[in-house]
């Protein structure tokens, strides 16, 4: 009867065999992904030609200094205010219906066009009184008054 196996000797690859195995895997990977590698090399070549690659390399080498500068700039009160204002503005815009915003912006654009057409006309008290009878002017003034009233209510809230 045969002897039971009591010891398994694991084959340890030499450094040269490991390198050869890695090269074979790399050759196989290159053959499988030839087109992707060609495109990547083309992109890298364009980046090198335009100088962006060198700039990115310099940026990476100076990453600690760049991070320090960015952190210092972000800590400034002006930047904190800007970030807080941006968040508040985004919150306010989120509360407004997109249709209302689009209608208001279209109306502003039309108003600017009309204002540019007749900049040379003199405005008298009689012209203002006559303009109040125009439904478009009356609608805009009514909108403005309601806007001011709502804004005043908002300013009065705590």
N, C-alpha and C. Protein backbone atom coordinates (compact mmCIF):
# COMPACT_ATOMS: atom_id res chain seq x y z
N UNK A 1 0.82 -1.16 0.00
CA UNK A 1 0.00 0.00 0.00
C UNK A 1 0.88 1.25 0.00
N UNK A 2 0.34 2.33 -0.61
CA UNK A 2 1.14 3.55 -0.73
C UNK A 2 1.14 4.32 0.57
N UNK A 3 2.17 5.07 0.70
CA UNK A 3 2.31 5.92 1.89
C UNK A 3 1.39 7.13 1.77
N UNK A 4 0.70 7.55 2.83
CA UNK A 4 -0.13 8.75 2.76
C UNK A 4 0.76 10.00 2.63
N UNK A 5 0.21 10.98 1.91
CA UNK A 5 0.96 12.23 1.72
C UNK A 5 0.86 13.01 3.01
N UNK A 6 1.97 13.33 3.57
CA UNK A 6 1.97 14.08 4.83
C UNK A 6 2.60 15.47 4.67
N UNK A 7 3.23 15.71 3.54
CA UNK A 7 3.87 17.00 3.33
C UNK A 7 3.72 17.41 1.87
N UNK A 8 3.20 18.64 1.67
CA UNK A 8 3.06 19.15 0.31
C UNK A 8 4.06 20.28 0.16
N UNK A 9 4.89 20.12 -0.81
CA UNK A 9 5.89 21.15 -1.04
C UNK A 9 5.34 22.15 -2.05
N UNK A 10 5.22 23.39 -1.64
CA UNK A 10 4.70 24.45 -2.50
C UNK A 10 5.83 24.93 -3.37
N UNK A 11 5.52 25.05 -4.67
CA UNK A 11 6.54 25.50 -5.61
C UNK A 11 6.66 27.00 -5.50
N UNK A 12 7.83 27.46 -5.21
CA UNK A 12 8.10 28.89 -5.09
C UNK A 12 8.78 29.33 -6.38
N UNK A 13 8.13 30.34 -7.04
CA UNK A 13 8.69 30.84 -8.29
C UNK A 13 9.87 31.75 -8.01
N UNK A 14 10.83 31.65 -8.86
CA UNK A 14 12.00 32.52 -8.72
C UNK A 14 11.61 33.93 -9.19
N UNK A 15 12.46 34.88 -8.90
CA UNK A 15 12.19 36.26 -9.30
C UNK A 15 12.11 36.37 -10.81
N UNK A 16 12.94 35.64 -11.51
CA UNK A 16 12.93 35.67 -12.98
C UNK A 16 11.63 35.08 -13.51
N UNK A 17 11.15 33.99 -12.90
CA UNK A 17 9.90 33.38 -13.33
C UNK A 17 8.71 34.31 -13.07
N UNK A 18 8.73 35.03 -11.94
CA UNK A 18 7.68 35.99 -11.62
C UNK A 18 7.65 37.12 -12.65
N UNK A 19 8.82 37.61 -13.03
CA UNK A 19 8.90 38.67 -14.04
C UNK A 19 8.37 38.16 -15.38
N UNK A 20 8.74 36.94 -15.74
CA UNK A 20 8.28 36.36 -17.00
C UNK A 20 6.77 36.20 -17.00
N UNK A 21 6.22 35.77 -15.88
CA UNK A 21 4.78 35.59 -15.75
C UNK A 21 4.07 36.96 -15.86
N UNK A 22 4.61 37.98 -15.23
CA UNK A 22 4.03 39.33 -15.31
C UNK A 22 4.07 39.86 -16.73
N UNK A 23 5.18 39.63 -17.43
CA UNK A 23 5.30 40.07 -18.82
C UNK A 23 4.26 39.37 -19.70
N UNK A 24 4.04 38.10 -19.49
CA UNK A 24 3.05 37.36 -20.26
C UNK A 24 1.65 37.91 -20.02
N UNK A 25 1.33 38.22 -18.76
CA UNK A 25 0.02 38.79 -18.44
C UNK A 25 -0.14 40.16 -19.09
N UNK A 26 0.93 40.96 -19.06
CA UNK A 26 0.90 42.29 -19.66
C UNK A 26 0.72 42.20 -21.17
N UNK A 27 1.42 41.29 -21.83
CA UNK A 27 1.27 41.09 -23.27
C UNK A 27 -0.17 40.70 -23.61
N UNK A 28 -0.73 39.84 -22.83
CA UNK A 28 -2.10 39.40 -23.04
C UNK A 28 -3.07 40.57 -22.88
N UNK A 29 -2.87 41.40 -21.86
CA UNK A 29 -3.73 42.56 -21.61
C UNK A 29 -3.62 43.56 -22.75
N UNK A 30 -2.40 43.81 -23.23
CA UNK A 30 -2.19 44.75 -24.34
C UNK A 30 -2.89 44.25 -25.60
N UNK A 31 -2.80 42.97 -25.86
CA UNK A 31 -3.44 42.41 -27.05
C UNK A 31 -4.96 42.51 -26.97
N UNK A 32 -5.52 42.31 -25.79
CA UNK A 32 -6.97 42.38 -25.60
C UNK A 32 -7.50 43.81 -25.68
N UNK A 33 -6.70 44.79 -25.27
CA UNK A 33 -7.16 46.18 -25.17
C UNK A 33 -6.37 47.13 -26.07
N UNK A 34 -6.02 46.68 -27.24
CA UNK A 34 -5.16 47.45 -28.13
C UNK A 34 -5.77 48.80 -28.50
N UNK A 35 -7.04 48.81 -28.88
CA UNK A 35 -7.68 50.07 -29.31
C UNK A 35 -7.78 51.06 -28.15
N UNK A 36 -8.15 50.58 -26.99
CA UNK A 36 -8.27 51.47 -25.83
C UNK A 36 -6.91 52.07 -25.48
N UNK A 37 -5.86 51.28 -25.54
CA UNK A 37 -4.52 51.76 -25.24
C UNK A 37 -4.05 52.79 -26.27
N UNK A 38 -4.40 52.57 -27.55
CA UNK A 38 -4.03 53.54 -28.59
C UNK A 38 -4.72 54.87 -28.35
N UNK A 39 -6.00 54.83 -27.98
CA UNK A 39 -6.73 56.07 -27.69
C UNK A 39 -6.14 56.77 -26.47
N UNK A 40 -5.82 56.01 -25.43
CA UNK A 40 -5.23 56.59 -24.23
C UNK A 40 -3.89 57.26 -24.55
N UNK A 41 -3.09 56.61 -25.36
CA UNK A 41 -1.80 57.18 -25.74
C UNK A 41 -2.00 58.44 -26.58
N UNK A 42 -3.02 58.45 -27.43
CA UNK A 42 -3.33 59.63 -28.24
C UNK A 42 -3.73 60.80 -27.35
N UNK A 43 -4.55 60.53 -26.35
CA UNK A 43 -4.98 61.59 -25.41
C UNK A 43 -3.77 62.11 -24.63
N UNK A 44 -2.93 61.22 -24.16
CA UNK A 44 -1.74 61.64 -23.42
C UNK A 44 -0.82 62.46 -24.31
N UNK A 45 -0.69 62.08 -25.57
CA UNK A 45 0.15 62.83 -26.50
C UNK A 45 -0.40 64.24 -26.71
N UNK A 46 -1.72 64.37 -26.85
CA UNK A 46 -2.34 65.69 -27.02
C UNK A 46 -2.13 66.54 -25.76
N UNK A 47 -2.30 65.93 -24.60
CA UNK A 47 -2.08 66.66 -23.34
C UNK A 47 -0.63 67.13 -23.23
N UNK A 48 0.28 66.29 -23.65
CA UNK A 48 1.71 66.66 -23.62
C UNK A 48 1.98 67.80 -24.59
N UNK A 49 1.42 67.71 -25.79
CA UNK A 49 1.64 68.73 -26.80
C UNK A 49 1.08 70.08 -26.40
N UNK A 50 -0.01 70.10 -25.65
CA UNK A 50 -0.63 71.37 -25.27
C UNK A 50 -0.05 71.92 -23.97
N UNK A 51 0.78 71.16 -23.29
CA UNK A 51 1.40 71.64 -22.05
C UNK A 51 0.58 71.32 -20.80
N UNK A 52 -0.60 70.74 -20.99
CA UNK A 52 -1.45 70.44 -19.85
C UNK A 52 -0.85 69.32 -19.00
N UNK A 53 -0.19 68.38 -19.64
CA UNK A 53 0.40 67.26 -18.92
C UNK A 53 1.49 67.74 -17.96
N UNK A 54 2.32 68.68 -18.41
CA UNK A 54 3.37 69.22 -17.55
C UNK A 54 2.76 70.00 -16.40
N UNK A 55 1.69 70.75 -16.68
CA UNK A 55 1.03 71.51 -15.62
C UNK A 55 0.43 70.57 -14.58
N UNK A 56 -0.20 69.49 -15.04
CA UNK A 56 -0.78 68.52 -14.11
C UNK A 56 0.32 67.84 -13.29
N UNK A 57 1.44 67.54 -13.93
CA UNK A 57 2.56 66.92 -13.22
C UNK A 57 3.09 67.86 -12.14
N UNK A 58 3.25 69.13 -12.48
CA UNK A 58 3.73 70.12 -11.51
C UNK A 58 2.74 70.28 -10.36
N UNK A 59 1.46 70.26 -10.71
CA UNK A 59 0.42 70.39 -9.69
C UNK A 59 0.47 69.21 -8.72
N UNK A 60 0.67 68.02 -9.26
CA UNK A 60 0.76 66.83 -8.41
C UNK A 60 2.01 66.85 -7.53
N UNK A 61 3.11 67.35 -8.08
CA UNK A 61 4.34 67.42 -7.29
C UNK A 61 4.21 68.42 -6.15
N UNK A 62 3.43 69.47 -6.38
CA UNK A 62 3.28 70.52 -5.38
C UNK A 62 1.95 70.39 -4.63
N UNK A 63 1.43 69.17 -4.55
CA UNK A 63 0.09 68.97 -3.98
C UNK A 63 -0.04 69.48 -2.55
N UNK A 64 0.97 69.33 -1.74
CA UNK A 64 0.88 69.80 -0.36
C UNK A 64 0.76 71.32 -0.31
N UNK A 65 1.55 72.00 -1.11
CA UNK A 65 1.51 73.46 -1.14
C UNK A 65 0.19 73.95 -1.72
N UNK A 66 -0.29 73.29 -2.79
CA UNK A 66 -1.56 73.66 -3.41
C UNK A 66 -2.70 73.45 -2.42
N UNK A 67 -2.70 72.35 -1.71
CA UNK A 67 -3.75 72.07 -0.73
C UNK A 67 -3.72 73.12 0.39
N UNK A 68 -2.53 73.51 0.79
CA UNK A 68 -2.39 74.53 1.84
C UNK A 68 -2.98 75.87 1.36
N UNK A 69 -2.67 76.26 0.14
CA UNK A 69 -3.19 77.51 -0.42
C UNK A 69 -4.71 77.44 -0.54
N UNK A 70 -5.22 76.33 -1.06
CA UNK A 70 -6.67 76.18 -1.24
C UNK A 70 -7.40 76.23 0.10
N UNK A 71 -6.83 75.58 1.09
CA UNK A 71 -7.43 75.58 2.43
C UNK A 71 -7.42 76.98 3.02
N UNK A 72 -6.31 77.69 2.84
CA UNK A 72 -6.21 79.07 3.35
C UNK A 72 -7.25 79.96 2.67
N UNK A 73 -7.42 79.80 1.36
CA UNK A 73 -8.40 80.61 0.62
C UNK A 73 -9.83 80.27 1.06
N UNK A 74 -10.09 78.99 1.29
CA UNK A 74 -11.44 78.57 1.67
C UNK A 74 -11.81 79.05 3.07
N UNK A 75 -10.82 79.29 3.92
CA UNK A 75 -11.07 79.73 5.29
C UNK A 75 -11.39 81.22 5.38
N UNK A 76 -11.09 81.97 4.31
CA UNK A 76 -11.32 83.41 4.35
C UNK A 76 -12.80 83.70 4.55
N UNK A 77 -13.13 84.74 5.32
CA UNK A 77 -14.55 85.07 5.56
C UNK A 77 -15.31 85.36 4.26
N UNK A 78 -14.65 85.95 3.27
CA UNK A 78 -15.33 86.24 2.01
C UNK A 78 -15.80 84.95 1.34
N UNK A 79 -14.95 83.93 1.37
CA UNK A 79 -15.29 82.66 0.76
C UNK A 79 -16.43 81.98 1.53
N UNK A 80 -16.37 82.04 2.85
CA UNK A 80 -17.43 81.46 3.66
C UNK A 80 -18.75 82.16 3.36
N UNK A 81 -18.71 83.49 3.26
CA UNK A 81 -19.92 84.24 2.92
C UNK A 81 -20.44 83.85 1.55
N UNK A 82 -19.52 83.72 0.58
CA UNK A 82 -19.93 83.36 -0.77
C UNK A 82 -20.60 81.98 -0.78
N UNK A 83 -20.03 81.04 -0.08
CA UNK A 83 -20.60 79.69 -0.03
C UNK A 83 -21.97 79.73 0.63
N UNK A 84 -22.07 80.44 1.75
CA UNK A 84 -23.36 80.54 2.45
C UNK A 84 -24.40 81.24 1.58
N UNK A 85 -24.00 82.30 0.88
CA UNK A 85 -24.93 83.00 -0.01
C UNK A 85 -25.36 82.11 -1.17
N UNK A 86 -24.42 81.34 -1.70
CA UNK A 86 -24.76 80.42 -2.78
C UNK A 86 -25.77 79.37 -2.32
N UNK A 87 -25.57 78.85 -1.13
CA UNK A 87 -26.50 77.85 -0.59
C UNK A 87 -27.87 78.48 -0.36
N UNK A 88 -27.90 79.71 0.19
CA UNK A 88 -29.17 80.40 0.43
C UNK A 88 -29.87 80.70 -0.89
N UNK A 89 -29.11 81.15 -1.90
CA UNK A 89 -29.71 81.44 -3.21
C UNK A 89 -30.26 80.17 -3.84
N UNK A 90 -29.53 79.07 -3.71
CA UNK A 90 -30.01 77.80 -4.26
C UNK A 90 -31.29 77.37 -3.56
N UNK A 91 -31.35 77.57 -2.24
CA UNK A 91 -32.57 77.24 -1.50
C UNK A 91 -33.74 78.09 -1.93
N UNK A 92 -33.49 79.40 -2.14
CA UNK A 92 -34.56 80.29 -2.59
C UNK A 92 -35.03 79.91 -3.99
N UNK A 93 -34.10 79.60 -4.87
CA UNK A 93 -34.48 79.19 -6.23
C UNK A 93 -35.25 77.87 -6.22
N UNK A 94 -34.89 76.99 -5.29
CA UNK A 94 -35.58 75.71 -5.21
C UNK A 94 -37.03 75.90 -4.76
N UNK A 95 -37.31 76.97 -4.01
CA UNK A 95 -38.66 77.22 -3.52
C UNK A 95 -39.56 77.83 -4.60
N UNK A 96 -38.98 78.36 -5.67
CA UNK A 96 -39.75 79.02 -6.73
C UNK A 96 -40.04 78.01 -7.83
N UNK A 97 -41.27 78.05 -8.31
CA UNK A 97 -41.65 77.17 -9.41
C UNK A 97 -40.87 77.55 -10.67
N UNK A 98 -40.32 76.59 -11.40
CA UNK A 98 -39.55 76.90 -12.61
C UNK A 98 -40.35 77.68 -13.66
N UNK A 99 -41.65 77.39 -13.74
CA UNK A 99 -42.48 78.10 -14.72
C UNK A 99 -42.54 79.59 -14.39
N UNK A 100 -42.63 79.92 -13.08
CA UNK A 100 -42.66 81.32 -12.66
C UNK A 100 -41.35 82.01 -13.01
N UNK A 101 -40.25 81.34 -12.76
CA UNK A 101 -38.94 81.92 -13.06
C UNK A 101 -38.81 82.16 -14.56
N UNK A 102 -39.21 81.19 -15.36
CA UNK A 102 -39.11 81.34 -16.82
C UNK A 102 -39.99 82.48 -17.31
N UNK A 103 -41.21 82.58 -16.79
CA UNK A 103 -42.12 83.65 -17.19
C UNK A 103 -41.55 85.01 -16.81
N UNK A 104 -41.01 85.11 -15.60
CA UNK A 104 -40.44 86.38 -15.13
C UNK A 104 -39.23 86.78 -15.98
N UNK A 105 -38.35 85.83 -16.28
CA UNK A 105 -37.17 86.14 -17.07
C UNK A 105 -37.54 86.52 -18.50
N UNK A 106 -38.53 85.85 -19.07
CA UNK A 106 -39.01 86.23 -20.41
C UNK A 106 -39.58 87.63 -20.39
N UNK A 107 -40.33 87.94 -19.34
CA UNK A 107 -40.92 89.28 -19.22
C UNK A 107 -39.83 90.34 -19.08
N UNK A 108 -38.79 90.05 -18.32
CA UNK A 108 -37.67 90.99 -18.16
C UNK A 108 -37.00 91.22 -19.51
N UNK A 109 -36.80 90.15 -20.27
CA UNK A 109 -36.16 90.29 -21.59
C UNK A 109 -37.01 91.16 -22.52
N UNK A 110 -38.32 90.93 -22.53
CA UNK A 110 -39.20 91.74 -23.37
C UNK A 110 -39.20 93.19 -22.91
N UNK A 111 -39.17 93.39 -21.59
CA UNK A 111 -39.13 94.75 -21.04
C UNK A 111 -37.86 95.48 -21.44
N UNK A 112 -36.74 94.77 -21.43
CA UNK A 112 -35.47 95.38 -21.83
C UNK A 112 -35.48 95.75 -23.31
N UNK A 113 -36.08 94.88 -24.13
CA UNK A 113 -36.19 95.19 -25.56
C UNK A 113 -37.02 96.46 -25.77
N UNK A 114 -38.17 96.52 -25.09
CA UNK A 114 -39.05 97.68 -25.24
C UNK A 114 -38.38 98.94 -24.71
N UNK A 115 -37.65 98.83 -23.62
CA UNK A 115 -36.97 99.99 -23.04
C UNK A 115 -35.89 100.51 -23.98
N UNK A 116 -35.20 99.63 -24.68
CA UNK A 116 -34.15 100.06 -25.60
C UNK A 116 -34.70 100.70 -26.86
N UNK A 117 -35.96 100.38 -27.23
CA UNK A 117 -36.56 100.94 -28.43
C UNK A 117 -36.86 102.43 -28.29
N UNK A 118 -37.28 102.85 -27.12
CA UNK A 118 -37.75 104.23 -26.97
C UNK A 118 -37.04 104.97 -25.85
N UNK A 119 -35.73 105.04 -25.91
CA UNK A 119 -34.96 105.73 -24.87
C UNK A 119 -34.99 107.24 -25.03
N UNK A 120 -35.35 107.75 -26.18
CA UNK A 120 -35.28 109.19 -26.45
C UNK A 120 -36.53 109.94 -26.02
N UNK A 121 -37.62 109.24 -25.70
CA UNK A 121 -38.85 109.92 -25.36
C UNK A 121 -38.76 110.56 -23.98
N UNK A 122 -39.30 111.81 -23.88
CA UNK A 122 -39.39 112.47 -22.58
C UNK A 122 -40.59 111.91 -21.84
N UNK A 123 -40.48 111.81 -20.55
CA UNK A 123 -41.58 111.31 -19.73
C UNK A 123 -42.10 112.47 -18.90
N UNK A 124 -43.39 112.74 -19.05
CA UNK A 124 -44.02 113.80 -18.26
C UNK A 124 -45.06 113.17 -17.34
N UNK A 125 -45.61 113.98 -16.46
CA UNK A 125 -46.65 113.50 -15.56
C UNK A 125 -47.84 113.01 -16.37
N UNK A 126 -48.19 113.73 -17.42
CA UNK A 126 -49.30 113.34 -18.27
C UNK A 126 -49.03 111.98 -18.93
N UNK A 127 -47.77 111.76 -19.36
CA UNK A 127 -47.39 110.49 -19.97
C UNK A 127 -47.55 109.35 -18.96
N UNK A 128 -47.17 109.61 -17.70
CA UNK A 128 -47.32 108.59 -16.66
C UNK A 128 -48.79 108.27 -16.41
N UNK A 129 -49.63 109.30 -16.34
CA UNK A 129 -51.05 109.08 -16.10
C UNK A 129 -51.66 108.28 -17.26
N UNK A 130 -51.26 108.61 -18.47
CA UNK A 130 -51.75 107.91 -19.65
C UNK A 130 -51.27 106.46 -19.66
N UNK A 131 -50.02 106.25 -19.22
CA UNK A 131 -49.44 104.91 -19.20
C UNK A 131 -50.16 104.00 -18.22
N UNK A 132 -50.71 104.57 -17.15
CA UNK A 132 -51.43 103.74 -16.18
C UNK A 132 -52.68 103.11 -16.78
N UNK A 133 -53.20 103.69 -17.84
CA UNK A 133 -54.38 103.14 -18.50
C UNK A 133 -54.02 101.98 -19.43
N UNK A 134 -52.74 101.87 -19.79
CA UNK A 134 -52.28 100.76 -20.63
C UNK A 134 -52.32 99.48 -19.80
N UNK A 135 -53.03 98.43 -20.26
CA UNK A 135 -53.14 97.20 -19.46
C UNK A 135 -51.79 96.54 -19.17
N UNK A 136 -50.84 96.61 -20.10
CA UNK A 136 -49.52 95.99 -19.86
C UNK A 136 -48.77 96.73 -18.76
N UNK A 137 -48.78 98.05 -18.82
CA UNK A 137 -48.11 98.86 -17.80
C UNK A 137 -48.79 98.64 -16.45
N UNK A 138 -50.12 98.65 -16.46
CA UNK A 138 -50.87 98.46 -15.22
C UNK A 138 -50.56 97.10 -14.61
N UNK A 139 -50.45 96.06 -15.45
CA UNK A 139 -50.13 94.71 -14.97
C UNK A 139 -48.74 94.70 -14.33
N UNK A 140 -47.77 95.36 -14.97
CA UNK A 140 -46.40 95.39 -14.45
C UNK A 140 -46.34 96.17 -13.14
N UNK A 141 -47.04 97.29 -13.06
CA UNK A 141 -47.03 98.09 -11.82
C UNK A 141 -47.72 97.30 -10.71
N UNK A 142 -48.83 96.64 -11.03
CA UNK A 142 -49.51 95.81 -10.03
C UNK A 142 -48.61 94.70 -9.54
N UNK A 143 -47.90 94.06 -10.47
CA UNK A 143 -46.96 92.99 -10.09
C UNK A 143 -45.89 93.55 -9.17
N UNK A 144 -45.35 94.72 -9.54
CA UNK A 144 -44.29 95.34 -8.73
C UNK A 144 -44.78 95.69 -7.34
N UNK A 145 -46.01 96.23 -7.23
CA UNK A 145 -46.55 96.59 -5.92
C UNK A 145 -46.78 95.34 -5.07
N UNK A 146 -47.34 94.28 -5.67
CA UNK A 146 -47.55 93.03 -4.92
C UNK A 146 -46.20 92.42 -4.51
N UNK A 147 -45.22 92.52 -5.40
CA UNK A 147 -43.88 92.02 -5.08
C UNK A 147 -43.30 92.78 -3.89
N UNK A 148 -43.41 94.09 -3.92
CA UNK A 148 -42.89 94.90 -2.81
C UNK A 148 -43.62 94.60 -1.50
N UNK A 149 -44.93 94.38 -1.57
CA UNK A 149 -45.69 94.07 -0.38
C UNK A 149 -45.23 92.73 0.21
N UNK A 150 -45.09 91.73 -0.66
CA UNK A 150 -44.62 90.42 -0.19
C UNK A 150 -43.21 90.49 0.36
N UNK A 151 -42.36 91.25 -0.30
CA UNK A 151 -40.99 91.40 0.18
C UNK A 151 -40.97 92.10 1.53
N UNK A 152 -41.82 93.08 1.70
CA UNK A 152 -41.91 93.77 3.00
C UNK A 152 -42.37 92.83 4.10
N UNK A 153 -43.34 91.96 3.79
CA UNK A 153 -43.78 90.97 4.78
C UNK A 153 -42.63 90.04 5.16
N UNK A 154 -41.87 89.63 4.13
CA UNK A 154 -40.73 88.74 4.39
C UNK A 154 -39.67 89.42 5.23
N UNK A 155 -39.44 90.69 5.00
CA UNK A 155 -38.46 91.43 5.79
C UNK A 155 -38.92 91.63 7.22
N UNK A 156 -40.25 91.68 7.43
CA UNK A 156 -40.79 91.88 8.78
C UNK A 156 -40.76 90.61 9.61
N UNK A 157 -40.65 89.45 8.97
CA UNK A 157 -40.61 88.18 9.71
C UNK A 157 -39.25 88.00 10.36
N UNK A 158 -39.27 87.27 11.47
CA UNK A 158 -37.99 87.00 12.16
C UNK A 158 -37.56 85.58 11.90
